[in-house]
């Protein structure tokens, strides 16, 4: 067996809690026609649900995030909370006021059912794991809410892939959410985004260890995953940041023409090397393709009709320097969603990753959006 690059049963759960959902015995029917007999969801909570069950806030992670919204790295958690500065007493996601719930997404690899999970026959799903969409992920989150006794979220908040789910909540489940906060995403995957995701998927599939996705009894395709992450990291940041931080500098004293590396090459390699210690390549594929399938207008008369149907207040924000999810996408959301003011822009040299890094600006947006709750 290859060393695990993801959480699996028997590992330290850390702060994770687990819910087993089986659709009241019917299993989980998926939008693309697939079916799962049951789904385990790993999630974490902060704060307390009030007596009227009206203060729950669902916080949704991006592609390689997980349920560890807040807290230090430690047993069971390879990285600190991905929005740690924003969640806690007196912070924008105020745990004295709100009951925060952060689930690991369907198709993930940090405790929620995904390709590395065991199927009914006791073998990892691998290539047999079905196609999953953003809508499927939200449907499972709705089942988790029912399991926890939350009939309606005061708010649903997310960035990037998490923002796609927050938007899908507002469009498809308006009776179950009081308001939504959508950061750094659009109404549907664009050709540009699909192109970048597809290249990352191909990089993993081209690894000799991929074996069609059924590699769990041997070496995992980590070289392909590292390359995929490098492609992704390039798209998440900006030309300006790369020039300012790296320029044409070499990584060390060894001449680039004599076999050395440029500093930017080492940075992208390091980004890939970090991810392979905590993420399953199959999950990277499943979640990347879910983002490609993101389209709130599918089956609803198109994007314009879907967004104009939204009945809940929505706060939309983006990162001004984001080249992956540019401002035009947030402006479209703000223009078409009835109860939405102008899109707010985060100023950052970091591009798309600004929604994770610029915590003061993001915190101000969250505080304003949640203040009526």
Protein backbone atom coordinates (compact mmCIF):
# COMPACT_ATOMS: atom_id res chain seq x y z
CA UNK A 1 0.00 0.00 0.00
CA UNK A 2 1.21 3.51 -0.77
CA UNK A 3 1.42 5.97 2.13
CA UNK A 4 -1.87 7.81 2.54
CA UNK A 5 -1.88 11.37 1.25
CA UNK A 6 -5.23 12.11 2.83
CA UNK A 7 -7.23 11.49 5.99
CA UNK A 8 -8.67 8.00 6.34
CA UNK A 9 -10.58 6.07 9.00
CA UNK A 10 -8.28 5.08 11.83
CA UNK A 11 -6.33 8.35 11.64
CA UNK A 12 -6.64 10.88 14.45
CA UNK A 13 -9.95 12.68 13.78
CA UNK A 14 -8.76 15.91 15.34
CA UNK A 15 -11.79 18.17 15.75
CA UNK A 16 -13.80 16.35 13.09
CA UNK A 17 -17.28 15.07 13.71
CA UNK A 18 -18.95 12.61 11.35
CA UNK A 19 -22.46 12.15 10.02
CA UNK A 20 -23.53 9.10 8.05
CA UNK A 21 -26.30 9.99 5.59
CA UNK A 22 -28.23 7.44 3.56
CA UNK A 23 -31.17 9.41 2.23
CA UNK A 24 -33.54 7.62 4.61
CA UNK A 25 -32.48 4.31 3.16
CA UNK A 26 -32.72 5.40 -0.48
CA UNK A 27 -29.08 6.33 -0.89
CA UNK A 28 -27.88 9.50 -2.56
CA UNK A 29 -29.01 10.07 -6.15
CA UNK A 30 -26.64 12.34 -8.07
CA UNK A 31 -27.40 14.90 -10.76
CA UNK A 32 -25.37 13.06 -13.40
CA UNK A 33 -27.24 9.80 -12.86
CA UNK A 34 -24.84 8.22 -10.38
CA UNK A 35 -25.78 6.85 -6.99
CA UNK A 36 -24.06 6.39 -3.64
CA UNK A 37 -25.59 4.03 -1.06
CA UNK A 38 -24.52 6.36 1.74
CA UNK A 39 -22.27 9.33 2.38
CA UNK A 40 -20.17 10.08 5.42
CA UNK A 41 -19.65 13.81 5.97
CA UNK A 42 -16.79 15.10 8.12
CA UNK A 43 -17.53 18.46 9.64
CA UNK A 44 -16.47 20.79 12.43
CA UNK A 45 -18.49 23.26 14.50
CA UNK A 46 -17.77 26.32 16.60
CA UNK A 47 -20.09 28.18 18.95
CA UNK A 48 -23.53 26.97 20.04
CA UNK A 49 -26.83 26.53 18.26
CA UNK A 50 -29.35 28.78 20.03
CA UNK A 51 -32.65 27.57 21.45
CA UNK A 52 -34.58 28.72 18.37
CA UNK A 53 -32.01 27.19 15.99
CA UNK A 54 -31.71 30.45 14.08
CA UNK A 55 -28.01 31.31 14.36
CA UNK A 56 -26.35 28.60 12.24
CA UNK A 57 -23.90 29.81 9.59
CA UNK A 58 -22.61 27.38 6.97
CA UNK A 59 -19.02 28.15 5.91
CA UNK A 60 -17.81 26.42 2.74
CA UNK A 61 -14.23 25.71 1.71
CA UNK A 62 -12.45 25.95 -1.62
CA UNK A 63 -10.89 23.20 -3.77
CA UNK A 64 -8.13 21.96 -1.47
CA UNK A 65 -9.63 23.16 1.81
CA UNK A 66 -11.45 21.01 4.32
CA UNK A 67 -13.58 21.23 7.44
CA UNK A 68 -10.78 22.88 9.46
CA UNK A 69 -12.01 26.44 9.16
CA UNK A 70 -10.32 27.55 12.38
CA UNK A 71 -7.77 26.22 14.80
CA UNK A 72 -4.10 25.25 14.75
CA UNK A 73 -2.42 22.49 12.83
CA UNK A 74 -2.01 19.39 14.93
CA UNK A 75 -3.05 15.75 15.21
CA UNK A 76 -5.60 15.09 12.49
CA UNK A 77 -5.14 18.51 10.90
CA UNK A 78 -2.07 18.96 8.67
CA UNK A 79 -2.65 22.69 8.23
CA UNK A 80 -4.04 25.52 10.38
CA UNK A 81 -7.60 26.69 9.82
CA UNK A 82 -7.94 28.20 6.37
CA UNK A 83 -9.85 31.26 7.70
CA UNK A 84 -8.51 31.06 11.24
CA UNK A 85 -8.22 34.86 11.77
CA UNK A 86 -11.88 35.33 10.87
CA UNK A 87 -13.57 32.81 13.17
CA UNK A 88 -13.78 33.10 16.92
CA UNK A 89 -15.21 35.25 19.73
CA UNK A 90 -15.61 38.84 18.57
CA UNK A 91 -14.33 38.10 15.08
CA UNK A 92 -16.36 38.55 11.87
CA UNK A 93 -17.51 34.93 12.12
CA UNK A 94 -18.33 35.51 15.75
CA UNK A 95 -18.62 32.26 17.67
CA UNK A 96 -20.31 34.11 20.55
CA UNK A 97 -23.20 34.89 18.16
CA UNK A 98 -23.15 32.23 15.47
CA UNK A 99 -23.06 28.46 15.36
CA UNK A 100 -20.52 27.83 12.60
CA UNK A 101 -20.61 24.60 10.60
CA UNK A 102 -17.89 23.75 8.09
CA UNK A 103 -18.22 20.40 6.27
CA UNK A 104 -15.65 18.70 4.09
CA UNK A 105 -17.16 18.57 0.62
CA UNK A 106 -18.63 15.50 -1.12
CA UNK A 107 -15.83 14.01 -3.24
CA UNK A 108 -13.14 15.29 -0.89
CA UNK A 109 -10.48 13.39 0.98
CA UNK A 110 -10.49 14.73 4.52
CA UNK A 111 -13.17 12.53 6.03
CA UNK A 112 -16.12 12.96 3.66
CA UNK A 113 -16.96 10.24 1.14
CA UNK A 114 -14.82 10.52 -1.97
CA UNK A 115 -12.88 8.34 -4.41
CA UNK A 116 -10.50 7.08 -1.70
CA UNK A 117 -13.40 5.91 0.49
CA UNK A 118 -14.35 2.26 0.67
CA UNK A 119 -17.31 1.20 -1.42
CA UNK A 120 -19.86 -1.43 -0.35
CA UNK A 121 -17.46 -4.17 -1.47
CA UNK A 122 -14.74 -2.96 0.89
CA UNK A 123 -12.50 -1.61 -1.88
CA UNK A 124 -11.74 2.09 -2.53
CA UNK A 125 -14.12 3.57 -5.08
CA UNK A 126 -11.28 4.84 -7.27
CA UNK A 127 -12.40 4.95 -10.89
CA UNK A 128 -15.90 3.82 -9.87
CA UNK A 129 -16.64 7.04 -7.99
CA UNK A 130 -19.47 8.82 -9.80
CA UNK A 131 -19.49 12.28 -11.32
CA UNK A 132 -20.31 14.87 -8.66
CA UNK A 133 -21.61 18.40 -9.27
CA UNK A 134 -21.83 21.51 -7.12
CA UNK A 135 -25.57 20.80 -6.78
CA UNK A 136 -24.85 17.32 -5.46
CA UNK A 137 -22.49 18.78 -2.89
CA UNK A 138 -25.12 21.27 -1.75
CA UNK A 139 -27.79 18.55 -1.58
CA UNK A 140 -25.52 16.59 0.79
CA UNK A 141 -24.93 19.74 2.86
CA UNK A 142 -28.70 20.15 3.12
CA UNK A 143 -28.95 16.57 4.38
CA UNK A 144 -26.25 17.35 6.95
CA UNK A 145 -28.26 20.36 8.11
CA UNK A 146 -31.31 18.15 8.62
CA UNK A 147 -29.17 15.68 10.54
CA UNK A 148 -28.02 18.51 12.82
CA UNK A 149 -31.54 19.87 13.28
CA UNK A 150 -30.90 23.08 11.35
CA UNK A 151 -33.97 23.88 9.27
CA UNK A 152 -32.64 27.17 7.95
CA UNK A 153 -29.18 28.71 7.91
CA UNK A 154 -28.93 32.34 8.92
CA UNK A 155 -26.23 32.61 6.24
CA UNK A 156 -24.15 30.54 3.86
CA UNK A 157 -20.66 31.84 3.18
CA UNK A 158 -17.94 30.64 0.82
CA UNK A 159 -15.04 31.55 -1.41
CA UNK A 160 -14.07 30.10 -4.82
CA UNK A 161 -15.51 26.56 -4.96
CA UNK A 162 -17.20 27.34 -1.65
CA UNK A 163 -18.75 30.43 -3.24
CA UNK A 164 -20.18 28.28 -6.04
CA UNK A 165 -21.94 26.26 -3.38
CA UNK A 166 -23.09 29.37 -1.49
CA UNK A 167 -24.59 30.69 -4.73
CA UNK A 168 -26.24 27.34 -5.45
CA UNK A 169 -27.79 27.47 -1.97
CA UNK A 170 -29.28 30.89 -2.76
CA UNK A 171 -30.62 29.77 -6.14
CA UNK A 172 -31.77 26.24 -5.37
CA UNK A 173 -32.58 26.26 -1.64
CA UNK A 174 -33.84 29.79 -0.85
CA UNK A 175 -36.22 28.59 1.85
CA UNK A 176 -33.27 27.08 3.73
CA UNK A 177 -30.92 30.09 3.80
CA UNK A 178 -31.37 33.64 5.12
CA UNK A 179 -28.58 35.22 3.09
CA UNK A 180 -25.51 34.26 1.09
CA UNK A 181 -21.98 35.64 0.82
CA UNK A 182 -20.27 34.78 -2.48
CA UNK A 183 -16.55 35.53 -2.73
CA UNK A 184 -14.40 35.16 -5.87
CA UNK A 185 -16.64 33.10 -8.14
CA UNK A 186 -19.14 33.46 -10.97
CA UNK A 187 -22.48 32.07 -12.07
CA UNK A 188 -20.96 29.34 -14.24
CA UNK A 189 -17.57 27.92 -15.15
CA UNK A 190 -15.96 29.84 -17.99
CA UNK A 191 -14.02 28.39 -20.91
CA UNK A 192 -10.84 29.81 -19.36
CA UNK A 193 -11.47 28.12 -16.02
CA UNK A 194 -12.46 24.84 -17.65
CA UNK A 195 -9.27 24.92 -19.73
CA UNK A 196 -7.06 25.35 -16.68
CA UNK A 197 -8.88 22.65 -14.70
CA UNK A 198 -8.72 20.23 -17.62
CA UNK A 199 -4.95 20.68 -17.93
CA UNK A 200 -4.56 19.90 -14.24
CA UNK A 201 -6.71 16.78 -14.61
CA UNK A 202 -4.65 15.63 -17.60
CA UNK A 203 -1.42 16.13 -15.65
CA UNK A 204 -2.64 13.71 -12.98
CA UNK A 205 -4.01 11.21 -15.47
CA UNK A 206 -0.71 11.23 -17.41
CA UNK A 207 1.24 10.09 -14.34
CA UNK A 208 2.28 6.46 -14.85
CA UNK A 209 1.00 5.64 -11.37
CA UNK A 210 -2.53 6.85 -12.09
CA UNK A 211 -3.69 3.47 -13.43
CA UNK A 212 -7.08 4.77 -14.46
CA UNK A 213 -7.72 6.02 -10.93
CA UNK A 214 -7.28 2.63 -9.23
CA UNK A 215 -3.89 3.19 -7.59
CA UNK A 216 -4.70 2.70 -3.91
CA UNK A 217 -2.81 -0.59 -3.68
CA UNK A 218 0.41 0.99 -4.95
CA UNK A 219 2.17 4.31 -5.50
CA UNK A 220 -0.14 7.27 -5.94
CA UNK A 221 0.27 9.64 -8.94
CA UNK A 222 1.86 12.34 -6.83
CA UNK A 223 4.10 13.72 -9.56
CA UNK A 224 1.03 14.44 -11.67
CA UNK A 225 -0.75 15.99 -8.69
CA UNK A 226 2.23 18.23 -7.93
CA UNK A 227 2.27 19.47 -11.53
CA UNK A 228 -1.49 20.05 -11.41
CA UNK A 229 -1.10 22.09 -8.25
CA UNK A 230 1.65 24.14 -9.87
CA UNK A 231 -0.65 24.97 -12.78
CA UNK A 232 -3.37 25.91 -10.33
CA UNK A 233 -1.06 28.03 -8.17
CA UNK A 234 0.06 29.95 -11.26
CA UNK A 235 -3.56 30.82 -12.04
CA UNK A 236 -4.35 31.79 -8.44
CA UNK A 237 -1.69 34.52 -8.27
CA UNK A 238 -0.74 37.47 -10.50
CA UNK A 239 1.88 38.65 -12.96
CA UNK A 240 2.67 41.60 -10.67
CA UNK A 241 3.25 39.44 -7.62
CA UNK A 242 5.48 37.02 -9.51
CA UNK A 243 7.57 39.84 -10.96
CA UNK A 244 7.93 41.59 -7.61
CA UNK A 245 8.72 38.44 -5.64
CA UNK A 246 10.74 36.42 -8.13
CA UNK A 247 11.51 38.21 -11.39
CA UNK A 248 14.22 36.28 -13.19
CA UNK A 249 16.12 35.43 -10.02
CA UNK A 250 17.68 32.02 -9.62
CA UNK A 251 16.74 29.94 -6.59
CA UNK A 252 20.33 29.78 -5.34
CA UNK A 253 23.87 30.52 -6.48
CA UNK A 254 23.85 27.81 -9.10
CA UNK A 255 23.52 29.35 -12.58
CA UNK A 256 20.24 28.63 -14.30
CA UNK A 257 22.13 27.84 -17.51
CA UNK A 258 24.13 25.28 -15.53
CA UNK A 259 21.15 23.25 -14.32
CA UNK A 260 19.84 25.58 -11.63
CA UNK A 261 16.22 26.70 -11.29
CA UNK A 262 14.51 30.02 -11.42
CA UNK A 263 12.99 31.07 -8.11
CA UNK A 264 9.49 31.03 -9.57
CA UNK A 265 10.02 27.41 -10.64
CA UNK A 266 10.98 26.45 -7.10
CA UNK A 267 7.94 28.27 -5.72
CA UNK A 268 5.54 26.36 -7.96
CA UNK A 269 7.32 23.09 -7.24
CA UNK A 270 7.08 23.74 -3.51
CA UNK A 271 3.34 24.45 -3.82
CA UNK A 272 2.89 21.05 -5.46
CA UNK A 273 5.11 19.24 -2.99
CA UNK A 274 3.09 20.59 -0.05
CA UNK A 275 -0.23 19.50 -1.47
CA UNK A 276 0.78 15.89 -2.18
CA UNK A 277 1.28 15.28 1.55
CA UNK A 278 -2.41 15.90 2.32
CA UNK A 279 -4.56 15.46 -0.78
CA UNK A 280 -5.77 12.55 -2.86
CA UNK A 281 -5.19 12.94 -6.63
CA UNK A 282 -8.58 11.42 -7.47
CA UNK A 283 -10.32 13.96 -5.24
CA UNK A 284 -8.46 16.74 -7.03
CA UNK A 285 -9.90 15.44 -10.30
CA UNK A 286 -13.45 14.96 -8.97
CA UNK A 287 -13.59 18.42 -7.41
CA UNK A 288 -11.95 20.14 -10.39
CA UNK A 289 -14.54 18.61 -12.68
CA UNK A 290 -17.34 19.61 -10.29
CA UNK A 291 -16.18 23.21 -10.67
CA UNK A 292 -16.15 22.78 -14.44
CA UNK A 293 -19.78 21.62 -14.26
CA UNK A 294 -20.79 24.64 -12.16
CA UNK A 295 -23.70 26.41 -13.88
CA UNK A 296 -26.58 27.82 -11.83
CA UNK A 297 -28.59 28.20 -15.04
CA UNK A 298 -28.55 24.53 -16.01
CA UNK A 299 -32.14 23.31 -16.16
CA UNK A 300 -33.41 26.67 -14.88
CA UNK A 301 -33.78 28.59 -18.10
CA UNK A 302 -30.21 29.90 -18.17
CA UNK A 303 -28.01 31.99 -15.91
CA UNK A 304 -30.02 35.21 -16.23
CA UNK A 305 -33.30 33.56 -15.26
CA UNK A 306 -31.69 31.65 -12.40
CA UNK A 307 -30.02 34.69 -10.87
CA UNK A 308 -33.10 36.89 -11.26
CA UNK A 309 -35.09 34.28 -9.33
CA UNK A 310 -32.95 34.62 -6.19
CA UNK A 311 -35.10 35.82 -3.29
CA UNK A 312 -32.54 36.08 -0.50
CA UNK A 313 -30.07 38.91 0.12
CA UNK A 314 -26.67 38.16 -1.42
CA UNK A 315 -23.33 39.86 -0.83
CA UNK A 316 -20.93 39.46 -3.75
CA UNK A 317 -17.24 40.25 -3.57
CA UNK A 318 -14.20 39.54 -5.70
CA UNK A 319 -10.49 40.26 -5.85
CA UNK A 320 -9.60 43.11 -8.20
CA UNK A 321 -6.43 41.35 -9.41
CA UNK A 322 -8.05 37.92 -9.87
CA UNK A 323 -7.25 36.58 -13.34
CA UNK A 324 -9.04 33.27 -12.81
CA UNK A 325 -12.38 34.70 -11.63
CA UNK A 326 -12.19 38.30 -12.90
CA UNK A 327 -14.33 41.18 -11.75
CA UNK A 328 -16.71 40.85 -14.69
CA UNK A 329 -18.07 37.65 -13.16
CA UNK A 330 -18.88 39.30 -9.83
CA UNK A 331 -20.37 42.33 -11.57
CA UNK A 332 -22.68 40.00 -13.49
CA UNK A 333 -23.89 38.42 -10.26
CA UNK A 334 -24.45 41.80 -8.61
CA UNK A 335 -26.31 43.14 -11.65
CA UNK A 336 -28.70 40.20 -11.99
CA UNK A 337 -29.41 39.15 -8.39
CA UNK A 338 -32.31 41.34 -7.19
CA UNK A 339 -31.29 41.77 -3.54
CA UNK A 340 -27.62 42.42 -4.09
CA UNK A 341 -25.70 45.69 -3.97
CA UNK A 342 -22.65 46.44 -6.11
CA UNK A 343 -19.89 43.85 -5.99
CA UNK A 344 -17.22 44.71 -3.44
CA UNK A 345 -13.61 44.42 -4.51
CA UNK A 346 -10.73 43.20 -2.38
CA UNK A 347 -7.43 44.91 -3.16
CA UNK A 348 -4.55 42.44 -3.24
CA UNK A 349 -1.42 41.64 -5.27
CA UNK A 350 -2.19 37.95 -4.70
CA UNK A 351 -4.97 37.49 -7.27
CA UNK A 352 -7.57 34.80 -6.61
CA UNK A 353 -5.87 33.77 -3.35
CA UNK A 354 -6.70 37.21 -1.97
CA UNK A 355 -9.97 35.83 -0.60
CA UNK A 356 -7.86 33.67 1.72
CA UNK A 357 -4.98 36.05 2.41
CA UNK A 358 -6.58 39.50 2.81
CA UNK A 359 -8.35 38.63 6.02
CA UNK A 360 -8.87 42.22 7.18
CA UNK A 361 -10.74 43.14 4.00
CA UNK A 362 -12.62 39.85 3.87
CA UNK A 363 -13.50 40.22 7.53
CA UNK A 364 -15.01 43.65 6.91
CA UNK A 365 -17.16 42.22 4.10
CA UNK A 366 -18.32 39.34 6.30
CA UNK A 367 -19.07 41.61 9.24
CA UNK A 368 -21.21 43.88 7.06
CA UNK A 369 -23.02 40.96 5.42
CA UNK A 370 -23.79 39.24 8.72
CA UNK A 371 -24.60 42.31 10.79
CA UNK A 372 -28.40 42.02 10.28
CA UNK A 373 -28.41 38.50 11.72
